Structures are given as structure tokens and as C-alpha cells.
Amino acid sequence: MHDYNEKQIIDKIKSDLSNKICVLISDAGAPLISDPGYKLIQYCCENNIFMTSVPGPSSIIPALQLSGLDINEFYFAGFAPKTAVQMEKFVANINLTKITIVFFVSSHKIKMFLDLMNKLSADKKLSVCKELTKLNEKIFRGNVYDVRNKILKNNKNLKGEFVVIVEGNSSKKMEFFDLKEHNNIINKMLINFSLTDVVEIVHKLTKIPKNKVYKWVLKLKKS
């Protein structure tokens, strides 16, 4: 089952779903967690078909448990984006997120992610989990600068599957005056993004009125 053929498969097994015991399993990880299955579950919900879930393997929980970061609250962001432009915006969002964030990064994008994070927020704490539960499992903990250096010392560290956990900012509600604490990050964002993009990112993540954010960011841009 894939995202592009999920509806066709549901059409094929409609009668089985109502009359037989059916099982949705994944050959790696857990169904629906950055994996197909949402449309199938939605169909069962809409048609009052009984379902239950049996806990199975998922790299998210072990990665959080082993990260050494505060995980009382966390946000799962799926897979990090593929293109450089999307990754830049993704990293900018991470640096303003208030709670711990966990996500998957492919081996082809892990260096790009670490390079961008290092440019924007080298002292931010994170944990990079490689090949969890496998023979070559490794966990790199520390600030972005140190973790990046550890990983880049050996090209083998760039191979495999990665789960990344990044600490959030203060859990205190961010008010307008708190923007002063983020001047350094905002200035770095202005190097790579337009004024409009920076205002939109900061507004969405802080819920501070857009006109106030605009005035503050414009002041920084002119200074």
C-alpha cells in the first residue's frame, strides 16, 4: 500500500473489511506514522468498522527516551523536507518552536540539516539517533556545533536512518518584548529569507500579531 494507491486497495478489500479479520502492518516502523494507512482508517471510522491497535515498533518513542532532552511536551514533524529552500524554512521554524520537536531525516539530507542548523543556532541542544535498535546504532547528543563535528568526523556516520530531536525554546508564552531574545536568529533568517517570509514564520510560531512582528523585523533589517 502506498499513498497513491490506497483508495484503490480500499475499494478491493471493502467486503473483507466488513466480514473478515484484516491486519495492517508495516515492514519497518509503525503504520500511519509517516507511512500510508490514514485513508484506510478514515474509511473504517466512517463505516463503523471495528478497529484496534497493537503497539509495535516505532523509532519515535525510543529516540525521545534516549535523547536526554525534556520530552514532557513534544511535536512530531514527520520527515524533514527534501529541497534546500524547504529545509531552510524548516530549520528556521525549528529555532522558534517552543516545545521539543522530533522528526525523521534521510541519510541524503542529514548533512544539509546539520549545516543549516549550525549556521542559525550552533548552541541549540539536540540528539541525532542513527539506526535505532540495529547493529550500527549510535546516538549523538550535545549542542548543534558539537554534534555536527562528531558526525562529520566519519562518513559512515552519515549513512542509515536518522531520528532527530531538537530542544524547544522557553515554554513561557512569547510576548512581543520577548522578540528581543531572538534578534540573533531573526537576523540570520533575514540573510536567507525575504522580509515577508520571516514575518510569516515568526507570526505563525509565536502567535504575535503580524503587524507587530513586521515592525520589529523591519527595524532589525534597517539597523
C-alpha atoms as a PDB file:
ATOM      1  CA  MET A   1       0.000   0.000   0.000  1.00  0.00           C
ATOM      2  CA  HIS A   2       1.211   3.472  -0.925  1.00  0.00           C
ATOM      3  CA  ASP A   3      -0.288   6.944  -0.733  1.00  0.00           C
ATOM      4  CA  TYR A   4      -1.023   6.908  -4.449  1.00  0.00           C
ATOM      5  CA  ASN A   5      -2.893   3.562  -4.477  1.00  0.00           C
ATOM      6  CA  GLU A   6      -4.520   3.480  -1.041  1.00  0.00           C
ATOM      7  CA  LYS A   7      -8.006   4.309  -2.353  1.00  0.00           C
ATOM      8  CA  GLN A   8      -7.825   1.545  -4.985  1.00  0.00           C
ATOM      9  CA  ILE A   9      -6.787  -1.016  -2.369  1.00  0.00           C
ATOM     10  CA  ILE A  10      -9.649   0.029  -0.084  1.00  0.00           C
ATOM     11  CA  ASP A  11     -12.076  -0.497  -2.988  1.00  0.00           C
ATOM     12  CA  LYS A  12     -10.691  -4.021  -3.486  1.00  0.00           C
ATOM     13  CA  ILE A  13     -10.978  -5.092   0.152  1.00  0.00           C
ATOM     14  CA  LYS A  14     -14.227  -3.382   1.181  1.00  0.00           C
ATOM     15  CA  SER A  15     -16.138  -6.628   1.644  1.00  0.00           C
ATOM     16  CA  ASP A  16     -13.235  -8.230   3.548  1.00  0.00           C
ATOM     17  CA  LEU A  17     -13.077  -5.278   5.948  1.00  0.00           C
ATOM     18  CA  SER A  18     -16.677  -5.914   6.963  1.00  0.00           C
ATOM     19  CA  ASN A  19     -16.594  -9.730   7.102  1.00  0.00           C
ATOM     20  CA  LYS A  20     -13.054 -10.843   7.921  1.00  0.00           C
ATOM     21  CA  ILE A  21     -10.215 -10.109  10.308  1.00  0.00           C
ATOM     22  CA  CYS A  22      -7.800  -7.825   8.487  1.00  0.00           C
ATOM     23  CA  VAL A  23      -4.413  -6.617   9.667  1.00  0.00           C
ATOM     24  CA  LEU A  24      -2.455  -3.536   8.616  1.00  0.00           C
ATOM     25  CA  ILE A  25       1.255  -4.000   9.235  1.00  0.00           C
ATOM     26  CA  SER A  26       4.430  -2.231   8.121  1.00  0.00           C
ATOM     27  CA  ASP A  27       7.725  -3.820   7.111  1.00  0.00           C
ATOM     28  CA  ALA A  28       9.534  -1.034   9.000  1.00  0.00           C
ATOM     29  CA  GLY A  29       8.257   1.260  11.728  1.00  0.00           C
ATOM     30  CA  ALA A  30       4.565   1.713  12.500  1.00  0.00           C
ATOM     31  CA  PRO A  31       1.639   2.144  10.082  1.00  0.00           C
ATOM     32  CA  LEU A  32       0.392   5.736   9.634  1.00  0.00           C
ATOM     33  CA  ILE A  33       3.485   7.226  11.331  1.00  0.00           C
ATOM     34  CA  SER A  34       4.950   8.833   8.192  1.00  0.00           C
ATOM     35  CA  ASP A  35       3.502   5.766   6.475  1.00  0.00           C
ATOM     36  CA  PRO A  36       0.321   5.023   4.473  1.00  0.00           C
ATOM     37  CA  GLY A  37      -2.894   3.934   6.174  1.00  0.00           C
ATOM     38  CA  TYR A  38      -4.717   7.160   7.025  1.00  0.00           C
ATOM     39  CA  LYS A  39      -7.353   6.744   4.288  1.00  0.00           C
ATOM     40  CA  LEU A  40      -7.976   3.150   5.317  1.00  0.00           C
ATOM     41  CA  ILE A  41      -8.529   4.092   8.961  1.00  0.00           C
ATOM     42  CA  GLN A  42     -10.712   7.006   7.889  1.00  0.00           C
ATOM     43  CA  TYR A  43     -12.838   4.629   5.777  1.00  0.00           C
ATOM     44  CA  CYS A  44     -13.264   2.257   8.735  1.00  0.00           C
ATOM     45  CA  CYS A  45     -14.272   5.132  11.008  1.00  0.00           C
ATOM     46  CA  GLU A  46     -16.853   6.381   8.531  1.00  0.00           C
ATOM     47  CA  ASN A  47     -18.336   2.896   8.098  1.00  0.00           C
ATOM     48  CA  ASN A  48     -18.356   1.878  11.780  1.00  0.00           C
ATOM     49  CA  ILE A  49     -15.874  -0.955  11.212  1.00  0.00           C
ATOM     50  CA  PHE A  50     -14.307  -2.119  14.474  1.00  0.00           C
ATOM     51  CA  MET A  51     -10.564  -1.446  14.795  1.00  0.00           C
ATOM     52  CA  THR A  52      -7.928  -1.790  17.469  1.00  0.00           C
ATOM     53  CA  SER A  53      -4.204  -1.111  17.615  1.00  0.00           C
ATOM     54  CA  VAL A  54      -1.481  -3.407  18.917  1.00  0.00           C
ATOM     55  CA  PRO A  55       1.640  -1.468  19.994  1.00  0.00           C
ATOM     56  CA  GLY A  56       4.572  -2.223  17.741  1.00  0.00           C
ATOM     57  CA  PRO A  57       7.976  -0.871  16.760  1.00  0.00           C
ATOM     58  CA  SER A  58       8.389   2.847  16.206  1.00  0.00           C
ATOM     59  CA  SER A  59      11.656   4.753  16.400  1.00  0.00           C
ATOM     60  CA  ILE A  60       9.999   7.923  17.711  1.00  0.00           C
ATOM     61  CA  ILE A  61       9.488   6.853  21.338  1.00  0.00           C
ATOM     62  CA  PRO A  62      12.953   5.271  21.836  1.00  0.00           C
ATOM     63  CA  ALA A  63      14.568   8.334  20.261  1.00  0.00           C
ATOM     64  CA  LEU A  64      12.729  10.637  22.659  1.00  0.00           C
ATOM     65  CA  GLN A  65      13.545   8.440  25.644  1.00  0.00           C
ATOM     66  CA  LEU A  66      17.258   8.321  24.807  1.00  0.00           C
ATOM     67  CA  SER A  67      17.637  11.962  23.783  1.00  0.00           C
ATOM     68  CA  GLY A  68      18.385  13.385  27.220  1.00  0.00           C
ATOM     69  CA  LEU A  69      16.076  16.320  26.418  1.00  0.00           C
ATOM     70  CA  ASP A  70      12.844  17.467  28.062  1.00  0.00           C
ATOM     71  CA  ILE A  71      10.059  15.396  26.467  1.00  0.00           C
ATOM     72  CA  ASN A  72       7.086  16.265  28.673  1.00  0.00           C
ATOM     73  CA  GLU A  73       5.759  18.027  25.587  1.00  0.00           C
ATOM     74  CA  PHE A  74       6.848  17.245  22.057  1.00  0.00           C
ATOM     75  CA  TYR A  75       5.792  17.753  18.462  1.00  0.00           C
ATOM     76  CA  PHE A  76       6.262  15.141  15.722  1.00  0.00           C
ATOM     77  CA  ALA A  77       7.046  16.764  12.369  1.00  0.00           C
ATOM     78  CA  GLY A  78       7.283  13.702  10.105  1.00  0.00           C
ATOM     79  CA  PHE A  79      10.106  13.774   7.552  1.00  0.00           C
ATOM     80  CA  ALA A  80      12.341  16.801   7.093  1.00  0.00           C
ATOM     81  CA  PRO A  81      11.743  18.344   3.641  1.00  0.00           C
ATOM     82  CA  LYS A  82      13.752  17.355   0.585  1.00  0.00           C
ATOM     83  CA  THR A  83      14.675  20.627  -1.128  1.00  0.00           C
ATOM     84  CA  ALA A  84      17.218  23.141   0.154  1.00  0.00           C
ATOM     85  CA  VAL A  85      14.699  26.006   0.193  1.00  0.00           C
ATOM     86  CA  GLN A  86      12.142  23.971   2.143  1.00  0.00           C
ATOM     87  CA  MET A  87      14.842  22.753   4.532  1.00  0.00           C
ATOM     88  CA  GLU A  88      15.921  26.339   5.248  1.00  0.00           C
ATOM     89  CA  LYS A  89      12.378  27.284   6.248  1.00  0.00           C
ATOM     90  CA  PHE A  90      12.031  24.074   8.250  1.00  0.00           C
ATOM     91  CA  VAL A  91      15.196  24.863  10.224  1.00  0.00           C
ATOM     92  CA  ALA A  92      14.061  28.452  10.797  1.00  0.00           C
ATOM     93  CA  ASN A  93      10.771  27.126  12.204  1.00  0.00           C
ATOM     94  CA  ILE A  94      12.592  24.709  14.498  1.00  0.00           C
ATOM     95  CA  ASN A  95      14.609  27.512  16.037  1.00  0.00           C
ATOM     96  CA  LEU A  96      11.468  29.317  17.139  1.00  0.00           C
ATOM     97  CA  THR A  97       9.424  26.272  18.226  1.00  0.00           C
ATOM     98  CA  LYS A  98       8.598  26.377  21.933  1.00  0.00           C
ATOM     99  CA  ILE A  99       8.497  22.610  22.631  1.00  0.00           C
ATOM    100  CA  THR A 100      10.760  19.672  21.810  1.00  0.00           C
ATOM    101  CA  ILE A 101      10.420  18.587  18.186  1.00  0.00           C
ATOM    102  CA  VAL A 102      11.130  15.119  16.761  1.00  0.00           C
ATOM    103  CA  PHE A 103      11.369  14.197  13.087  1.00  0.00           C
ATOM    104  CA  PHE A 104      12.962  11.850  10.565  1.00  0.00           C
ATOM    105  CA  VAL A 105      15.868  12.848   8.314  1.00  0.00           C
ATOM    106  CA  SER A 106      17.110  10.772   5.396  1.00  0.00           C
ATOM    107  CA  SER A 107      20.798   9.960   5.036  1.00  0.00           C
ATOM    108  CA  HIS A 108      20.901  12.200   1.955  1.00  0.00           C
ATOM    109  CA  LYS A 109      19.722  15.251   3.922  1.00  0.00           C
ATOM    110  CA  ILE A 110      21.291  14.876   7.377  1.00  0.00           C
ATOM    111  CA  LYS A 111      24.429  16.901   6.485  1.00  0.00           C
ATOM    112  CA  MET A 112      22.346  19.679   4.912  1.00  0.00           C
ATOM    113  CA  PHE A 113      20.185  19.832   8.024  1.00  0.00           C
ATOM    114  CA  LEU A 114      23.176  19.994  10.393  1.00  0.00           C
ATOM    115  CA  ASP A 115      24.920  22.641   8.282  1.00  0.00           C
ATOM    116  CA  LEU A 116      21.841  24.875   8.267  1.00  0.00           C
ATOM    117  CA  MET A 117      21.227  24.389  11.983  1.00  0.00           C
ATOM    118  CA  ASN A 118      24.862  25.208  12.719  1.00  0.00           C
ATOM    119  CA  LYS A 119      24.607  28.484  10.800  1.00  0.00           C
ATOM    120  CA  LEU A 120      21.418  29.532  12.548  1.00  0.00           C
ATOM    121  CA  SER A 121      21.727  28.196  16.093  1.00  0.00           C
ATOM    122  CA  ALA A 122      25.004  26.376  16.851  1.00  0.00           C
ATOM    123  CA  ASP A 123      24.425  26.275  20.613  1.00  0.00           C
ATOM    124  CA  LYS A 124      20.970  24.692  20.487  1.00  0.00           C
ATOM    125  CA  LYS A 125      20.777  21.221  22.091  1.00  0.00           C
ATOM    126  CA  LEU A 126      19.737  18.220  20.036  1.00  0.00           C
ATOM    127  CA  SER A 127      20.039  14.464  19.761  1.00  0.00           C
ATOM    128  CA  VAL A 128      20.696  12.640  16.484  1.00  0.00           C
ATOM    129  CA  CYS A 129      19.786   8.945  16.638  1.00  0.00           C
ATOM    130  CA  LYS A 130      21.220   6.730  13.905  1.00  0.00           C
ATOM    131  CA  GLU A 131      19.973   3.216  13.081  1.00  0.00           C
ATOM    132  CA  LEU A 132      17.994   2.713  16.307  1.00  0.00           C
ATOM    133  CA  THR A 133      17.753  -0.923  17.512  1.00  0.00           C
ATOM    134  CA  LYS A 134      20.171  -2.036  14.779  1.00  0.00           C
ATOM    135  CA  LEU A 135      23.772  -3.230  14.907  1.00  0.00           C
ATOM    136  CA  ASN A 136      25.190   0.193  13.995  1.00  0.00           C
ATOM    137  CA  GLU A 137      23.048   2.194  16.422  1.00  0.00           C
ATOM    138  CA  LYS A 138      24.662   5.451  17.524  1.00  0.00           C
ATOM    139  CA  ILE A 139      23.313   8.448  19.403  1.00  0.00           C
ATOM    140  CA  PHE A 140      24.964  11.851  19.176  1.00  0.00           C
ATOM    141  CA  ARG A 141      23.983  14.301  21.923  1.00  0.00           C
ATOM    142  CA  GLY A 142      25.017  17.873  22.650  1.00  0.00           C
ATOM    143  CA  ASN A 143      24.748  21.264  21.021  1.00  0.00           C
ATOM    144  CA  VAL A 144      24.458  21.544  17.246  1.00  0.00           C
ATOM    145  CA  TYR A 145      28.082  22.571  16.767  1.00  0.00           C
ATOM    146  CA  ASP A 146      29.498  19.610  18.710  1.00  0.00           C
ATOM    147  CA  VAL A 147      27.093  17.019  17.296  1.00  0.00           C
ATOM    148  CA  ARG A 148      27.773  18.174  13.736  1.00  0.00           C
ATOM    149  CA  ASN A 149      31.532  17.877  14.260  1.00  0.00           C
ATOM    150  CA  LYS A 150      31.204  14.387  15.780  1.00  0.00           C
ATOM    151  CA  ILE A 151      29.090  13.127  12.887  1.00  0.00           C
ATOM    152  CA  LEU A 152      31.234  14.662  10.131  1.00  0.00           C
ATOM    153  CA  LYS A 153      34.423  13.076  11.510  1.00  0.00           C
ATOM    154  CA  ASN A 154      33.454   9.817   9.816  1.00  0.00           C
ATOM    155  CA  ASN A 155      31.478   9.495   6.572  1.00  0.00           C
ATOM    156  CA  LYS A 156      29.970   6.253   7.891  1.00  0.00           C
ATOM    157  CA  ASN A 157      28.063   8.362  10.411  1.00  0.00           C
ATOM    158  CA  LEU A 158      26.106   9.885   7.511  1.00  0.00           C
ATOM    159  CA  LYS A 159      24.676   6.527   6.415  1.00  0.00           C
ATOM    160  CA  GLY A 160      21.480   4.960   7.720  1.00  0.00           C
ATOM    161  CA  GLU A 161      18.165   6.164   9.079  1.00  0.00           C
ATOM    162  CA  PHE A 162      18.039   9.141  11.438  1.00  0.00           C
ATOM    163  CA  VAL A 163      15.639  10.406  14.073  1.00  0.00           C
ATOM    164  CA  VAL A 164      16.436  13.918  15.269  1.00  0.00           C
ATOM    165  CA  ILE A 165      15.181  15.550  18.468  1.00  0.00           C
ATOM    166  CA  VAL A 166      15.704  19.281  18.990  1.00  0.00           C
ATOM    167  CA  GLU A 167      15.042  21.098  22.251  1.00  0.00           C
ATOM    168  CA  GLY A 168      12.340  23.754  22.297  1.00  0.00           C
ATOM    169  CA  ASN A 169      12.647  27.341  23.397  1.00  0.00           C
ATOM    170  CA  SER A 170      11.329  28.539  26.755  1.00  0.00           C
ATOM    171  CA  SER A 171       7.828  27.222  27.458  1.00  0.00           C
ATOM    172  CA  LYS A 172       6.835  30.692  28.639  1.00  0.00           C
ATOM    173  CA  LYS A 173       4.322  32.382  26.401  1.00  0.00           C
ATOM    174  CA  MET A 174       6.217  34.560  23.947  1.00  0.00           C
ATOM    175  CA  GLU A 175       5.050  38.158  24.021  1.00  0.00           C
ATOM    176  CA  PHE A 176       6.165  40.985  21.757  1.00  0.00           C
ATOM    177  CA  PHE A 177       9.005  42.120  24.015  1.00  0.00           C
ATOM    178  CA  ASP A 178      10.421  38.589  24.022  1.00  0.00           C
ATOM    179  CA  LEU A 179      11.351  39.071  20.374  1.00  0.00           C
ATOM    180  CA  LYS A 180      14.460  40.855  21.641  1.00  0.00           C
ATOM    181  CA  GLU A 181      15.720  37.495  22.885  1.00  0.00           C
ATOM    182  CA  HIS A 182      15.542  36.158  19.327  1.00  0.00           C
ATOM    183  CA  ASN A 183      17.206  39.044  17.478  1.00  0.00           C
ATOM    184  CA  ASN A 184      20.204  36.882  16.580  1.00  0.00           C
ATOM    185  CA  ILE A 185      18.063  34.152  14.971  1.00  0.00           C
ATOM    186  CA  ILE A 186      15.828  36.670  13.180  1.00  0.00           C
ATOM    187  CA  ASN A 187      18.860  38.493  11.761  1.00  0.00           C
ATOM    188  CA  LYS A 188      20.230  35.198  10.424  1.00  0.00           C
ATOM    189  CA  MET A 189      16.831  34.392   8.902  1.00  0.00           C
ATOM    190  CA  LEU A 190      16.857  37.753   7.120  1.00  0.00           C
ATOM    191  CA  ILE A 191      20.048  36.700   5.318  1.00  0.00           C
ATOM    192  CA  ASN A 192      18.305  33.721   3.687  1.00  0.00           C
ATOM    193  CA  PHE A 193      14.649  34.778   3.534  1.00  0.00           C
ATOM    194  CA  SER A 194      12.640  37.771   2.438  1.00  0.00           C
ATOM    195  CA  LEU A 195      11.161  40.149   4.994  1.00  0.00           C
ATOM    196  CA  THR A 196       7.699  38.764   4.215  1.00  0.00           C
ATOM    197  CA  ASP A 197       8.785  35.156   4.791  1.00  0.00           C
ATOM    198  CA  VAL A 198      10.480  35.987   8.103  1.00  0.00           C
ATOM    199  CA  VAL A 199       7.414  37.868   9.353  1.00  0.00           C
ATOM    200  CA  GLU A 200       5.157  34.959   8.375  1.00  0.00           C
ATOM    201  CA  ILE A 201       7.349  32.347  10.107  1.00  0.00           C
ATOM    202  CA  VAL A 202       7.705  34.348  13.326  1.00  0.00           C
ATOM    203  CA  HIS A 203       3.989  35.197  13.386  1.00  0.00           C
ATOM    204  CA  LYS A 204       2.887  31.564  12.939  1.00  0.00           C
ATOM    205  CA  LEU A 205       5.215  30.234  15.617  1.00  0.00           C
ATOM    206  CA  THR A 206       4.738  32.924  18.245  1.00  0.00           C
ATOM    207  CA  LYS A 207       1.100  33.965  17.567  1.00  0.00           C
ATOM    208  CA  ILE A 208       2.258  37.563  18.000  1.00  0.00           C
ATOM    209  CA  PRO A 209       0.151  39.904  15.796  1.00  0.00           C
ATOM    210  CA  LYS A 210       1.648  40.142  12.335  1.00  0.00           C
ATOM    211  CA  ASN A 211       1.767  43.950  12.307  1.00  0.00           C
ATOM    212  CA  LYS A 212       3.868  43.961  15.497  1.00  0.00           C
ATOM    213  CA  VAL A 213       6.202  41.301  14.114  1.00  0.00           C
ATOM    214  CA  TYR A 214       6.540  43.274  10.871  1.00  0.00           C
ATOM    215  CA  LYS A 215       7.522  46.458  12.696  1.00  0.00           C
ATOM    216  CA  TRP A 216      10.091  44.613  14.789  1.00  0.00           C
ATOM    217  CA  VAL A 217      11.638  42.669  11.887  1.00  0.00           C
ATOM    218  CA  LEU A 218      11.701  45.778   9.673  1.00  0.00           C
ATOM    219  CA  LYS A 219      13.522  47.662  12.451  1.00  0.00           C
ATOM    220  CA  LEU A 220      16.130  44.883  12.623  1.00  0.00           C
ATOM    221  CA  LYS A 221      16.521  44.811   8.844  1.00  0.00           C
ATOM    222  CA  LYS A 222      17.192  48.550   8.731  1.00  0.00           C
ATOM    223  CA  SER A 223      19.566  48.583  11.704  1.00  0.00           C
END
